[in-house]
Amino acid sequence: MTSVTLKQIIQNGIHDLPKDSLQEVANFVLFVRARLKQGKSFNEQALAAFLAQELQALSATETSHLEQEFENYQNRYRLEQVRN
């Protein structure tokens, strides 16, 4: 297949994916780019560093989500209300 054909298959394939799946595709693209940048010296240590960076970004996103989810939690769900 030509590069143009492959790009078209990828574009068509991701068109209606949900956000979580798009994130997986983006992570894979970043992985492939990191591997290409490292060339043949891409090894387990480079992979571990790449994954640590991705997990840190994911952790920051999840932390932000949790902070929003539990914002003003103590006022919204007072202990007295739960016990009654």
PDB file of N, CA and C in Angstrom:
ATOM      1  N   MET A   1       0.841  -1.177   0.000  1.00  0.00           N
ATOM      2  CA  MET A   1       0.000   0.000   0.000  1.00  0.00           C
ATOM      3  C   MET A   1       0.884   1.238   0.000  1.00  0.00           C
ATOM      4  N   THR A   2       0.380   2.272  -0.608  1.00  0.00           N
ATOM      5  CA  THR A   2       1.129   3.525  -0.636  1.00  0.00           C
ATOM      6  C   THR A   2       0.927   4.287   0.668  1.00  0.00           C
ATOM      7  N   SER A   3       1.775   5.278   0.893  1.00  0.00           N
ATOM      8  CA  SER A   3       1.641   6.118   2.086  1.00  0.00           C
ATOM      9  C   SER A   3       0.310   6.851   2.093  1.00  0.00           C
ATOM     10  N   VAL A   4      -0.102   7.309   0.933  1.00  0.00           N
ATOM     11  CA  VAL A   4      -1.373   8.027   0.826  1.00  0.00           C
ATOM     12  C   VAL A   4      -2.535   7.117   1.210  1.00  0.00           C
ATOM     13  N   THR A   5      -2.510   5.892   0.734  1.00  0.00           N
ATOM     14  CA  THR A   5      -3.563   4.920   1.057  1.00  0.00           C
ATOM     15  C   THR A   5      -3.587   4.633   2.556  1.00  0.00           C
ATOM     16  N   LEU A   6      -2.416   4.414   3.141  1.00  0.00           N
ATOM     17  CA  LEU A   6      -2.345   4.142   4.573  1.00  0.00           C
ATOM     18  C   LEU A   6      -2.868   5.317   5.395  1.00  0.00           C
ATOM     19  N   LYS A   7      -2.508   6.527   5.013  1.00  0.00           N
ATOM     20  CA  LYS A   7      -2.997   7.718   5.722  1.00  0.00           C
ATOM     21  C   LYS A   7      -4.516   7.819   5.620  1.00  0.00           C
ATOM     22  N   GLN A   8      -5.053   7.501   4.467  1.00  0.00           N
ATOM     23  CA  GLN A   8      -6.507   7.554   4.274  1.00  0.00           C
ATOM     24  C   GLN A   8      -7.209   6.500   5.134  1.00  0.00           C
ATOM     25  N   ILE A   9      -6.637   5.313   5.199  1.00  0.00           N
ATOM     26  CA  ILE A   9      -7.202   4.246   6.035  1.00  0.00           C
ATOM     27  C   ILE A   9      -7.209   4.689   7.498  1.00  0.00           C
ATOM     28  N   ILE A  10      -6.113   5.298   7.939  1.00  0.00           N
ATOM     29  CA  ILE A  10      -6.024   5.759   9.329  1.00  0.00           C
ATOM     30  C   ILE A  10      -7.040   6.861   9.591  1.00  0.00           C
ATOM     31  N   GLN A  11      -7.120   7.839   8.710  1.00  0.00           N
ATOM     32  CA  GLN A  11      -8.079   8.939   8.889  1.00  0.00           C
ATOM     33  C   GLN A  11      -9.517   8.419   8.925  1.00  0.00           C
ATOM     34  N   ASN A  12      -9.847   7.535   8.006  1.00  0.00           N
ATOM     35  CA  ASN A  12     -11.206   6.973   7.982  1.00  0.00           C
ATOM     36  C   ASN A  12     -11.474   6.129   9.225  1.00  0.00           C
ATOM     37  N   GLY A  13     -10.441   5.417   9.680  1.00  0.00           N
ATOM     38  CA  GLY A  13     -10.605   4.522  10.816  1.00  0.00           C
ATOM     39  C   GLY A  13     -10.807   5.229  12.146  1.00  0.00           C
ATOM     40  N   ILE A  14     -10.276   6.453  12.287  1.00  0.00           N
ATOM     41  CA  ILE A  14     -10.404   7.160  13.564  1.00  0.00           C
ATOM     42  C   ILE A  14     -11.544   8.170  13.562  1.00  0.00           C
ATOM     43  N   HIS A  15     -12.180   8.322  12.437  1.00  0.00           N
ATOM     44  CA  HIS A  15     -13.198   9.366  12.262  1.00  0.00           C
ATOM     45  C   HIS A  15     -14.252   9.397  13.359  1.00  0.00           C
ATOM     46  N   ASP A  16     -14.793   8.260  13.738  1.00  0.00           N
ATOM     47  CA  ASP A  16     -15.904   8.245  14.697  1.00  0.00           C
ATOM     48  C   ASP A  16     -15.563   7.530  16.010  1.00  0.00           C
ATOM     49  N   LEU A  17     -14.267   7.429  16.315  1.00  0.00           N
ATOM     50  CA  LEU A  17     -13.871   6.785  17.565  1.00  0.00           C
ATOM     51  C   LEU A  17     -14.187   7.683  18.758  1.00  0.00           C
ATOM     52  N   PRO A  18     -14.513   7.076  19.906  1.00  0.00           N
ATOM     53  CA  PRO A  18     -14.725   7.876  21.113  1.00  0.00           C
ATOM     54  C   PRO A  18     -13.389   8.444  21.605  1.00  0.00           C
ATOM     55  N   LYS A  19     -13.481   9.426  22.507  1.00  0.00           N
ATOM     56  CA  LYS A  19     -12.293  10.132  22.987  1.00  0.00           C
ATOM     57  C   LYS A  19     -11.249   9.186  23.577  1.00  0.00           C
ATOM     58  N   ASP A  20     -11.663   8.207  24.373  1.00  0.00           N
ATOM     59  CA  ASP A  20     -10.714   7.273  24.988  1.00  0.00           C
ATOM     60  C   ASP A  20      -9.918   6.512  23.937  1.00  0.00           C
ATOM     61  N   SER A  21     -10.592   6.098  22.882  1.00  0.00           N
ATOM     62  CA  SER A  21      -9.915   5.370  21.807  1.00  0.00           C
ATOM     63  C   SER A  21      -8.981   6.293  21.030  1.00  0.00           C
ATOM     64  N   LEU A  22      -9.404   7.537  20.843  1.00  0.00           N
ATOM     65  CA  LEU A  22      -8.531   8.504  20.168  1.00  0.00           C
ATOM     66  C   LEU A  22      -7.267   8.731  20.984  1.00  0.00           C
ATOM     67  N   GLN A  23      -7.401   8.740  22.320  1.00  0.00           N
ATOM     68  CA  GLN A  23      -6.229   8.897  23.185  1.00  0.00           C
ATOM     69  C   GLN A  23      -5.272   7.733  23.010  1.00  0.00           C
ATOM     70  N   GLU A  24      -5.810   6.526  22.874  1.00  0.00           N
ATOM     71  CA  GLU A  24      -4.966   5.354  22.639  1.00  0.00           C
ATOM     72  C   GLU A  24      -4.217   5.480  21.319  1.00  0.00           C
ATOM     73  N   VAL A  25      -4.915   5.921  20.285  1.00  0.00           N
ATOM     74  CA  VAL A  25      -4.283   6.094  18.976  1.00  0.00           C
ATOM     75  C   VAL A  25      -3.187   7.152  19.071  1.00  0.00           C
ATOM     76  N   ALA A  26      -3.488   8.258  19.752  1.00  0.00           N
ATOM     77  CA  ALA A  26      -2.495   9.324  19.916  1.00  0.00           C
ATOM     78  C   ALA A  26      -1.269   8.811  20.667  1.00  0.00           C
ATOM     79  N   ASN A  27      -1.490   8.024  21.715  1.00  0.00           N
ATOM     80  CA  ASN A  27      -0.364   7.461  22.468  1.00  0.00           C
ATOM     81  C   ASN A  27       0.489   6.556  21.590  1.00  0.00           C
ATOM     82  N   PHE A  28      -0.163   5.779  20.744  1.00  0.00           N
ATOM     83  CA  PHE A  28       0.590   4.896  19.854  1.00  0.00           C
ATOM     84  C   PHE A  28       1.407   5.710  18.843  1.00  0.00           C
ATOM     85  N   VAL A  29       0.821   6.768  18.322  1.00  0.00           N
ATOM     86  CA  VAL A  29       1.542   7.631  17.382  1.00  0.00           C
ATOM     87  C   VAL A  29       2.765   8.232  18.071  1.00  0.00           C
ATOM     88  N   LEU A  30       2.581   8.706  19.306  1.00  0.00           N
ATOM     89  CA  LEU A  30       3.715   9.261  20.049  1.00  0.00           C
ATOM     90  C   LEU A  30       4.782   8.199  20.294  1.00  0.00           C
ATOM     91  N   PHE A  31       4.358   6.984  20.588  1.00  0.00           N
ATOM     92  CA  PHE A  31       5.301   5.891  20.783  1.00  0.00           C
ATOM     93  C   PHE A  31       6.104   5.622  19.509  1.00  0.00           C
ATOM     94  N   VAL A  32       5.421   5.556  18.386  1.00  0.00           N
ATOM     95  CA  VAL A  32       6.102   5.290  17.110  1.00  0.00           C
ATOM     96  C   VAL A  32       7.078   6.424  16.794  1.00  0.00           C
ATOM     97  N   ARG A  33       6.651   7.662  17.021  1.00  0.00           N
ATOM     98  CA  ARG A  33       7.548   8.802  16.772  1.00  0.00           C
ATOM     99  C   ARG A  33       8.769   8.758  17.688  1.00  0.00           C
ATOM    100  N   ALA A  34       8.560   8.412  18.962  1.00  0.00           N
ATOM    101  CA  ALA A  34       9.685   8.311  19.896  1.00  0.00           C
ATOM    102  C   ALA A  34      10.648   7.221  19.454  1.00  0.00           C
ATOM    103  N   ARG A  35      10.096   6.112  19.008  1.00  0.00           N
ATOM    104  CA  ARG A  35      10.930   4.999  18.543  1.00  0.00           C
ATOM    105  C   ARG A  35      11.739   5.413  17.312  1.00  0.00           C
ATOM    106  N   LEU A  36      11.107   6.127  16.394  1.00  0.00           N
ATOM    107  CA  LEU A  36      11.818   6.587  15.198  1.00  0.00           C
ATOM    108  C   LEU A  36      12.909   7.596  15.556  1.00  0.00           C
ATOM    109  N   LYS A  37      12.598   8.471  16.500  1.00  0.00           N
ATOM    110  CA  LYS A  37      13.567   9.485  16.915  1.00  0.00           C
ATOM    111  C   LYS A  37      14.792   8.831  17.541  1.00  0.00           C
ATOM    112  N   GLN A  38      14.576   7.782  18.314  1.00  0.00           N
ATOM    113  CA  GLN A  38      15.681   7.074  18.962  1.00  0.00           C
ATOM    114  C   GLN A  38      16.441   6.182  17.986  1.00  0.00           C
ATOM    115  N   GLY A  39      15.802   5.846  16.892  1.00  0.00           N
ATOM    116  CA  GLY A  39      16.443   4.966  15.918  1.00  0.00           C
ATOM    117  C   GLY A  39      16.648   3.580  16.472  1.00  0.00           C
ATOM    118  N   LYS A  40      17.707   2.946  16.073  1.00  0.00           N
ATOM    119  CA  LYS A  40      17.969   1.572  16.501  1.00  0.00           C
ATOM    120  C   LYS A  40      18.333   1.495  17.974  1.00  0.00           C
ATOM    121  N   SER A  41      18.680   2.632  18.585  1.00  0.00           N
ATOM    122  CA  SER A  41      19.056   2.599  19.991  1.00  0.00           C
ATOM    123  C   SER A  41      17.839   2.632  20.915  1.00  0.00           C
ATOM    124  N   PHE A  42      16.654   2.617  20.329  1.00  0.00           N
ATOM    125  CA  PHE A  42      15.433   2.601  21.144  1.00  0.00           C
ATOM    126  C   PHE A  42      15.385   1.273  21.889  1.00  0.00           C
ATOM    127  N   ASN A  43      15.461   1.341  23.187  1.00  0.00           N
ATOM    128  CA  ASN A  43      15.522   0.120  23.985  1.00  0.00           C
ATOM    129  C   ASN A  43      14.529   0.182  25.130  1.00  0.00           C
ATOM    130  N   GLU A  44      14.647  -0.752  26.023  1.00  0.00           N
ATOM    131  CA  GLU A  44      13.711  -0.819  27.137  1.00  0.00           C
ATOM    132  C   GLU A  44      13.781   0.416  28.014  1.00  0.00           C
ATOM    133  N   GLN A  45      14.961   0.954  28.203  1.00  0.00           N
ATOM    134  CA  GLN A  45      15.098   2.146  29.040  1.00  0.00           C
ATOM    135  C   GLN A  45      14.387   3.337  28.391  1.00  0.00           C
ATOM    136  N   ALA A  46      14.536   3.490  27.096  1.00  0.00           N
ATOM    137  CA  ALA A  46      13.852   4.575  26.388  1.00  0.00           C
ATOM    138  C   ALA A  46      12.339   4.363  26.440  1.00  0.00           C
ATOM    139  N   LEU A  47      11.908   3.121  26.291  1.00  0.00           N
ATOM    140  CA  LEU A  47      10.483   2.811  26.371  1.00  0.00           C
ATOM    141  C   LEU A  47       9.950   3.127  27.765  1.00  0.00           C
ATOM    142  N   ALA A  48      10.700   2.768  28.788  1.00  0.00           N
ATOM    143  CA  ALA A  48      10.280   3.049  30.158  1.00  0.00           C
ATOM    144  C   ALA A  48      10.174   4.551  30.397  1.00  0.00           C
ATOM    145  N   ALA A  49      11.112   5.316  29.893  1.00  0.00           N
ATOM    146  CA  ALA A  49      11.062   6.777  30.051  1.00  0.00           C
ATOM    147  C   ALA A  49       9.859   7.352  29.316  1.00  0.00           C
ATOM    148  N   PHE A  50       9.609   6.847  28.119  1.00  0.00           N
ATOM    149  CA  PHE A  50       8.460   7.308  27.336  1.00  0.00           C
ATOM    150  C   PHE A  50       7.151   6.995  28.064  1.00  0.00           C
ATOM    151  N   LEU A  51       7.034   5.767  28.558  1.00  0.00           N
ATOM    152  CA  LEU A  51       5.812   5.372  29.271  1.00  0.00           C
ATOM    153  C   LEU A  51       5.636   6.163  30.562  1.00  0.00           C
ATOM    154  N   ALA A  52       6.722   6.447  31.260  1.00  0.00           N
ATOM    155  CA  ALA A  52       6.638   7.253  32.481  1.00  0.00           C
ATOM    156  C   ALA A  52       6.114   8.648  32.166  1.00  0.00           C
ATOM    157  N   GLN A  53       6.574   9.208  31.062  1.00  0.00           N
ATOM    158  CA  GLN A  53       6.097  10.538  30.639  1.00  0.00           C
ATOM    159  C   GLN A  53       4.610  10.486  30.303  1.00  0.00           C
ATOM    160  N   GLU A  54       4.187   9.461  29.604  1.00  0.00           N
ATOM    161  CA  GLU A  54       2.773   9.320  29.253  1.00  0.00           C
ATOM    162  C   GLU A  54       1.909   9.119  30.498  1.00  0.00           C
ATOM    163  N   LEU A  55       2.390   8.295  31.430  1.00  0.00           N
ATOM    164  CA  LEU A  55       1.639   8.057  32.664  1.00  0.00           C
ATOM    165  C   LEU A  55       1.548   9.317  33.512  1.00  0.00           C
ATOM    166  N   GLN A  56       2.589  10.113  33.500  1.00  0.00           N
ATOM    167  CA  GLN A  56       2.567  11.367  34.243  1.00  0.00           C
ATOM    168  C   GLN A  56       1.512  12.302  33.660  1.00  0.00           C
ATOM    169  N   ALA A  57       1.439  12.380  32.346  1.00  0.00           N
ATOM    170  CA  ALA A  57       0.428  13.213  31.697  1.00  0.00           C
ATOM    171  C   ALA A  57      -0.966  12.681  31.994  1.00  0.00           C
ATOM    172  N   LEU A  58      -1.137  11.370  31.951  1.00  0.00           N
ATOM    173  CA  LEU A  58      -2.425  10.762  32.267  1.00  0.00           C
ATOM    174  C   LEU A  58      -2.791  11.036  33.719  1.00  0.00           C
ATOM    175  N   SER A  59      -1.812  10.908  34.613  1.00  0.00           N
ATOM    176  CA  SER A  59      -2.047  11.151  36.028  1.00  0.00           C
ATOM    177  C   SER A  59      -2.497  12.586  36.263  1.00  0.00           C
ATOM    178  N   ALA A  60      -1.887  13.530  35.570  1.00  0.00           N
ATOM    179  CA  ALA A  60      -2.273  14.931  35.720  1.00  0.00           C
ATOM    180  C   ALA A  60      -3.709  15.149  35.248  1.00  0.00           C
ATOM    181  N   THR A  61      -4.080  14.501  34.163  1.00  0.00           N
ATOM    182  CA  THR A  61      -5.441  14.608  33.643  1.00  0.00           C
ATOM    183  C   THR A  61      -6.438  14.005  34.627  1.00  0.00           C
ATOM    184  N   GLU A  62      -6.125  12.827  35.148  1.00  0.00           N
ATOM    185  CA  GLU A  62      -7.005  12.166  36.105  1.00  0.00           C
ATOM    186  C   GLU A  62      -7.120  12.961  37.403  1.00  0.00           C
ATOM    187  N   THR A  63      -6.010  13.521  37.864  1.00  0.00           N
ATOM    188  CA  THR A  63      -6.028  14.333  39.079  1.00  0.00           C
ATOM    189  C   THR A  63      -6.927  15.534  38.904  1.00  0.00           C
ATOM    190  N   SER A  64      -6.801  16.183  37.772  1.00  0.00           N
ATOM    191  CA  SER A  64      -7.645  17.341  37.484  1.00  0.00           C
ATOM    192  C   SER A  64      -9.118  16.944  37.478  1.00  0.00           C
ATOM    193  N   HIS A  65      -9.412  15.807  36.855  1.00  0.00           N
ATOM    194  CA  HIS A  65     -10.798  15.327  36.805  1.00  0.00           C
ATOM    195  C   HIS A  65     -11.321  15.051  38.209  1.00  0.00           C
ATOM    196  N   LEU A  66     -10.520  14.391  39.031  1.00  0.00           N
ATOM    197  CA  LEU A  66     -10.951  14.075  40.395  1.00  0.00           C
ATOM    198  C   LEU A  66     -11.139  15.337  41.231  1.00  0.00           C
ATOM    199  N   GLU A  67     -10.263  16.296  41.042  1.00  0.00           N
ATOM    200  CA  GLU A  67     -10.414  17.555  41.779  1.00  0.00           C
ATOM    201  C   GLU A  67     -11.725  18.234  41.418  1.00  0.00           C
ATOM    202  N   GLN A  68     -12.084  18.211  40.152  1.00  0.00           N
ATOM    203  CA  GLN A  68     -13.353  18.797  39.724  1.00  0.00           C
ATOM    204  C   GLN A  68     -14.524  17.989  40.266  1.00  0.00           C
ATOM    205  N   GLU A  69     -14.392  16.678  40.258  1.00  0.00           N
ATOM    206  CA  GLU A  69     -15.457  15.796  40.707  1.00  0.00           C
ATOM    207  C   GLU A  69     -15.773  15.996  42.190  1.00  0.00           C
ATOM    208  N   PHE A  70     -14.726  16.198  42.982  1.00  0.00           N
ATOM    209  CA  PHE A  70     -14.912  16.307  44.421  1.00  0.00           C
ATOM    210  C   PHE A  70     -14.802  17.740  44.947  1.00  0.00           C
ATOM    211  N   GLU A  71     -14.875  18.691  44.045  1.00  0.00           N
ATOM    212  CA  GLU A  71     -14.839  20.087  44.454  1.00  0.00           C
ATOM    213  C   GLU A  71     -16.024  20.380  45.385  1.00  0.00           C
ATOM    214  N   ASN A  72     -15.728  20.997  46.511  1.00  0.00           N
ATOM    215  CA  ASN A  72     -16.750  21.384  47.480  1.00  0.00           C
ATOM    216  C   ASN A  72     -17.499  20.159  48.028  1.00  0.00           C
ATOM    217  N   TYR A  73     -16.830  19.034  48.056  1.00  0.00           N
ATOM    218  CA  TYR A  73     -17.446  17.768  48.479  1.00  0.00           C
ATOM    219  C   TYR A  73     -17.970  17.834  49.910  1.00  0.00           C
ATOM    220  N   GLN A  74     -17.168  18.369  50.832  1.00  0.00           N
ATOM    221  CA  GLN A  74     -17.568  18.392  52.238  1.00  0.00           C
ATOM    222  C   GLN A  74     -18.814  19.241  52.462  1.00  0.00           C
ATOM    223  N   ASN A  75     -18.976  20.302  51.707  1.00  0.00           N
ATOM    224  CA  ASN A  75     -20.178  21.132  51.844  1.00  0.00           C
ATOM    225  C   ASN A  75     -21.387  20.475  51.185  1.00  0.00           C
ATOM    226  N   ARG A  76     -21.175  19.810  50.088  1.00  0.00           N
ATOM    227  CA  ARG A  76     -22.292  19.192  49.379  1.00  0.00           C
ATOM    228  C   ARG A  76     -22.791  17.938  50.075  1.00  0.00           C
ATOM    229  N   TYR A  77     -21.911  17.221  50.727  1.00  0.00           N
ATOM    230  CA  TYR A  77     -22.264  15.959  51.363  1.00  0.00           C
ATOM    231  C   TYR A  77     -21.814  15.986  52.832  1.00  0.00           C
ATOM    232  N   ARG A  78     -22.472  16.765  53.594  1.00  0.00           N
ATOM    233  CA  ARG A  78     -22.125  16.886  55.017  1.00  0.00           C
ATOM    234  C   ARG A  78     -22.401  15.575  55.728  1.00  0.00           C
ATOM    235  N   LEU A  79     -21.582  15.301  56.711  1.00  0.00           N
ATOM    236  CA  LEU A  79     -21.678  14.064  57.461  1.00  0.00           C
ATOM    237  C   LEU A  79     -23.036  13.921  58.129  1.00  0.00           C
ATOM    238  N   GLU A  80     -23.595  15.006  58.596  1.00  0.00           N
ATOM    239  CA  GLU A  80     -24.903  14.958  59.239  1.00  0.00           C
ATOM    240  C   GLU A  80     -25.993  14.507  58.254  1.00  0.00           C
ATOM    241  N   GLN A  81     -25.888  14.946  57.030  1.00  0.00           N
ATOM    242  CA  GLN A  81     -26.880  14.576  56.018  1.00  0.00           C
ATOM    243  C   GLN A  81     -26.810  13.092  55.728  1.00  0.00           C
ATOM    244  N   VAL A  82     -25.635  12.540  55.718  1.00  0.00           N
ATOM    245  CA  VAL A  82     -25.453  11.124  55.394  1.00  0.00           C
ATOM    246  C   VAL A  82     -25.994  10.243  56.515  1.00  0.00           C
ATOM    247  N   ARG A  83     -25.795  10.653  57.741  1.00  0.00           N
ATOM    248  CA  ARG A  83     -26.231   9.855  58.891  1.00  0.00           C
ATOM    249  C   ARG A  83     -27.739   9.855  59.069  1.00  0.00           C
ATOM    250  N   ASN A  84     -28.425  10.891  58.617  1.00  0.00           N
ATOM    251  CA  ASN A  84     -29.882  10.978  58.817  1.00  0.00           C
ATOM    252  C   ASN A  84     -30.643  10.285  57.764  1.00  0.00           C
TER     253      ASN A  84
END
